[in-house]
Protein backbone atom coordinates (compact mmCIF):
# COMPACT_ATOMS: atom_id res chain seq x y z
CA UNK A 1 0.00 0.00 0.00
CA UNK A 2 1.29 3.43 -0.98
CA UNK A 3 1.94 5.95 1.78
CA UNK A 4 -0.49 8.88 1.68
CA UNK A 5 0.95 12.34 1.21
CA UNK A 6 0.72 14.74 4.14
CA UNK A 7 -0.13 18.39 4.12
CA UNK A 8 -3.34 18.33 2.12
CA UNK A 9 -4.04 21.10 -0.35
CA UNK A 10 -1.88 23.72 1.38
CA UNK A 11 1.13 21.43 1.70
CA UNK A 12 1.40 18.41 -0.57
CA UNK A 13 -0.59 19.88 -3.46
CA UNK A 14 1.30 23.18 -3.41
CA UNK A 15 4.65 21.37 -3.27
CA UNK A 16 3.75 19.30 -6.34
CA UNK A 17 2.40 22.32 -8.20
CA UNK A 18 5.72 24.14 -7.66
CA UNK A 19 7.42 21.29 -9.54
CA UNK A 20 5.22 21.85 -12.61
CA UNK A 21 6.34 24.21 -15.39
CA UNK A 22 5.54 27.81 -14.58
CA UNK A 23 2.34 29.13 -16.13
CA UNK A 24 -0.42 31.55 -15.17
CA UNK A 25 -2.73 28.58 -14.46
CA UNK A 26 -0.17 26.90 -12.19
CA UNK A 27 0.47 30.14 -10.32
CA UNK A 28 -3.25 30.75 -9.84
CA UNK A 29 -3.76 27.21 -8.51
CA UNK A 30 -0.94 27.74 -6.00
CA UNK A 31 -2.38 31.06 -4.83
CA UNK A 32 -5.88 29.62 -4.47
CA UNK A 33 -4.58 26.55 -2.60
CA UNK A 34 -2.61 28.69 -0.15
CA UNK A 35 -5.72 30.81 0.49
CA UNK A 36 -7.67 27.67 1.43
CA UNK A 37 -10.01 27.70 -1.56
CA UNK A 38 -9.59 23.92 -2.03
CA UNK A 39 -9.27 23.06 1.69
CA UNK A 40 -11.98 20.71 2.96
CA UNK A 41 -12.71 22.82 6.05
CA UNK A 42 -11.54 26.38 5.27
CA UNK A 43 -13.22 26.98 1.91
CA UNK A 44 -16.44 28.92 1.41
CA UNK A 45 -17.32 26.50 -1.43
CA UNK A 46 -19.52 23.42 -1.07
CA UNK A 47 -17.40 21.20 -3.33
CA UNK A 48 -13.75 22.27 -3.09
CA UNK A 49 -12.27 19.02 -4.36
CA UNK A 50 -14.59 18.86 -7.38
CA UNK A 51 -13.61 22.45 -8.19
CA UNK A 52 -9.95 21.53 -7.76
CA UNK A 53 -10.19 18.52 -10.08
CA UNK A 54 -11.84 20.64 -12.78
CA UNK A 55 -9.24 23.40 -12.47
CA UNK A 56 -6.35 20.94 -12.47
CA UNK A 57 -7.69 19.29 -15.61
CA UNK A 58 -8.18 22.68 -17.27
CA UNK A 59 -4.53 23.45 -16.50
CA UNK A 60 -3.41 20.12 -17.98
CA UNK A 61 -2.46 18.50 -14.68
CA UNK A 62 -4.38 15.24 -15.06
CA UNK A 63 -1.91 13.46 -12.74
CA UNK A 64 -2.75 15.84 -9.89
CA UNK A 65 -6.47 15.62 -10.69
CA UNK A 66 -6.30 11.82 -10.35
CA UNK A 67 -4.40 12.17 -7.07
CA UNK A 68 -7.13 14.51 -5.80
CA UNK A 69 -9.82 11.98 -6.75
CA UNK A 70 -7.82 9.28 -4.95
CA UNK A 71 -7.85 11.35 -1.75
CA UNK A 72 -4.16 12.29 -1.75
CA UNK A 73 -4.89 15.90 -0.81
CA UNK A 74 -7.63 15.39 1.75
CA UNK A 75 -7.34 17.96 4.54
CA UNK A 76 -7.47 17.57 8.29
CA UNK A 77 -9.74 19.85 10.36
C-alpha atoms as a PDB file:
ATOM      1  CA  UNK A   1       0.000   0.000   0.000  1.00  0.00           C
ATOM      2  CA  UNK A   2       1.291   3.427  -0.980  1.00  0.00           C
ATOM      3  CA  UNK A   3       1.941   5.952   1.784  1.00  0.00           C
ATOM      4  CA  UNK A   4      -0.489   8.876   1.676  1.00  0.00           C
ATOM      5  CA  UNK A   5       0.953  12.344   1.211  1.00  0.00           C
ATOM      6  CA  UNK A   6       0.720  14.737   4.136  1.00  0.00           C
ATOM      7  CA  UNK A   7      -0.129  18.392   4.117  1.00  0.00           C
ATOM      8  CA  UNK A   8      -3.341  18.325   2.115  1.00  0.00           C
ATOM      9  CA  UNK A   9      -4.041  21.097  -0.347  1.00  0.00           C
ATOM     10  CA  UNK A  10      -1.877  23.715   1.379  1.00  0.00           C
ATOM     11  CA  UNK A  11       1.134  21.434   1.702  1.00  0.00           C
ATOM     12  CA  UNK A  12       1.403  18.415  -0.571  1.00  0.00           C
ATOM     13  CA  UNK A  13      -0.588  19.882  -3.457  1.00  0.00           C
ATOM     14  CA  UNK A  14       1.297  23.177  -3.411  1.00  0.00           C
ATOM     15  CA  UNK A  15       4.654  21.372  -3.271  1.00  0.00           C
ATOM     16  CA  UNK A  16       3.748  19.297  -6.337  1.00  0.00           C
ATOM     17  CA  UNK A  17       2.400  22.324  -8.201  1.00  0.00           C
ATOM     18  CA  UNK A  18       5.720  24.141  -7.664  1.00  0.00           C
ATOM     19  CA  UNK A  19       7.415  21.287  -9.540  1.00  0.00           C
ATOM     20  CA  UNK A  20       5.223  21.852 -12.607  1.00  0.00           C
ATOM     21  CA  UNK A  21       6.343  24.211 -15.390  1.00  0.00           C
ATOM     22  CA  UNK A  22       5.541  27.814 -14.583  1.00  0.00           C
ATOM     23  CA  UNK A  23       2.342  29.125 -16.131  1.00  0.00           C
ATOM     24  CA  UNK A  24      -0.423  31.546 -15.167  1.00  0.00           C
ATOM     25  CA  UNK A  25      -2.733  28.582 -14.462  1.00  0.00           C
ATOM     26  CA  UNK A  26      -0.173  26.901 -12.193  1.00  0.00           C
ATOM     27  CA  UNK A  27       0.475  30.141 -10.324  1.00  0.00           C
ATOM     28  CA  UNK A  28      -3.251  30.749  -9.840  1.00  0.00           C
ATOM     29  CA  UNK A  29      -3.760  27.210  -8.511  1.00  0.00           C
ATOM     30  CA  UNK A  30      -0.937  27.738  -5.998  1.00  0.00           C
ATOM     31  CA  UNK A  31      -2.381  31.058  -4.825  1.00  0.00           C
ATOM     32  CA  UNK A  32      -5.876  29.617  -4.467  1.00  0.00           C
ATOM     33  CA  UNK A  33      -4.584  26.551  -2.600  1.00  0.00           C
ATOM     34  CA  UNK A  34      -2.605  28.693  -0.146  1.00  0.00           C
ATOM     35  CA  UNK A  35      -5.720  30.811   0.494  1.00  0.00           C
ATOM     36  CA  UNK A  36      -7.674  27.670   1.434  1.00  0.00           C
ATOM     37  CA  UNK A  37     -10.011  27.697  -1.557  1.00  0.00           C
ATOM     38  CA  UNK A  38      -9.592  23.923  -2.029  1.00  0.00           C
ATOM     39  CA  UNK A  39      -9.273  23.060   1.687  1.00  0.00           C
ATOM     40  CA  UNK A  40     -11.980  20.709   2.963  1.00  0.00           C
ATOM     41  CA  UNK A  41     -12.708  22.822   6.052  1.00  0.00           C
ATOM     42  CA  UNK A  42     -11.545  26.379   5.272  1.00  0.00           C
ATOM     43  CA  UNK A  43     -13.217  26.978   1.911  1.00  0.00           C
ATOM     44  CA  UNK A  44     -16.439  28.916   1.414  1.00  0.00           C
ATOM     45  CA  UNK A  45     -17.319  26.500  -1.434  1.00  0.00           C
ATOM     46  CA  UNK A  46     -19.519  23.422  -1.065  1.00  0.00           C
ATOM     47  CA  UNK A  47     -17.402  21.198  -3.328  1.00  0.00           C
ATOM     48  CA  UNK A  48     -13.753  22.271  -3.086  1.00  0.00           C
ATOM     49  CA  UNK A  49     -12.271  19.018  -4.365  1.00  0.00           C
ATOM     50  CA  UNK A  50     -14.591  18.862  -7.378  1.00  0.00           C
ATOM     51  CA  UNK A  51     -13.614  22.450  -8.192  1.00  0.00           C
ATOM     52  CA  UNK A  52      -9.946  21.530  -7.761  1.00  0.00           C
ATOM     53  CA  UNK A  53     -10.194  18.517 -10.075  1.00  0.00           C
ATOM     54  CA  UNK A  54     -11.840  20.639 -12.783  1.00  0.00           C
ATOM     55  CA  UNK A  55      -9.244  23.400 -12.467  1.00  0.00           C
ATOM     56  CA  UNK A  56      -6.346  20.935 -12.468  1.00  0.00           C
ATOM     57  CA  UNK A  57      -7.693  19.293 -15.613  1.00  0.00           C
ATOM     58  CA  UNK A  58      -8.182  22.677 -17.272  1.00  0.00           C
ATOM     59  CA  UNK A  59      -4.525  23.450 -16.500  1.00  0.00           C
ATOM     60  CA  UNK A  60      -3.415  20.119 -17.980  1.00  0.00           C
ATOM     61  CA  UNK A  61      -2.462  18.499 -14.680  1.00  0.00           C
ATOM     62  CA  UNK A  62      -4.377  15.239 -15.059  1.00  0.00           C
ATOM     63  CA  UNK A  63      -1.912  13.465 -12.743  1.00  0.00           C
ATOM     64  CA  UNK A  64      -2.751  15.839  -9.891  1.00  0.00           C
ATOM     65  CA  UNK A  65      -6.466  15.622 -10.689  1.00  0.00           C
ATOM     66  CA  UNK A  66      -6.302  11.824 -10.345  1.00  0.00           C
ATOM     67  CA  UNK A  67      -4.398  12.165  -7.073  1.00  0.00           C
ATOM     68  CA  UNK A  68      -7.128  14.506  -5.801  1.00  0.00           C
ATOM     69  CA  UNK A  69      -9.815  11.984  -6.748  1.00  0.00           C
ATOM     70  CA  UNK A  70      -7.823   9.278  -4.949  1.00  0.00           C
ATOM     71  CA  UNK A  71      -7.850  11.353  -1.745  1.00  0.00           C
ATOM     72  CA  UNK A  72      -4.163  12.286  -1.745  1.00  0.00           C
ATOM     73  CA  UNK A  73      -4.886  15.899  -0.815  1.00  0.00           C
ATOM     74  CA  UNK A  74      -7.634  15.393   1.749  1.00  0.00           C
ATOM     75  CA  UNK A  75      -7.343  17.958   4.538  1.00  0.00           C
ATOM     76  CA  UNK A  76      -7.470  17.569   8.293  1.00  0.00           C
ATOM     77  CA  UNK A  77      -9.743  19.853  10.356  1.00  0.00           C
END
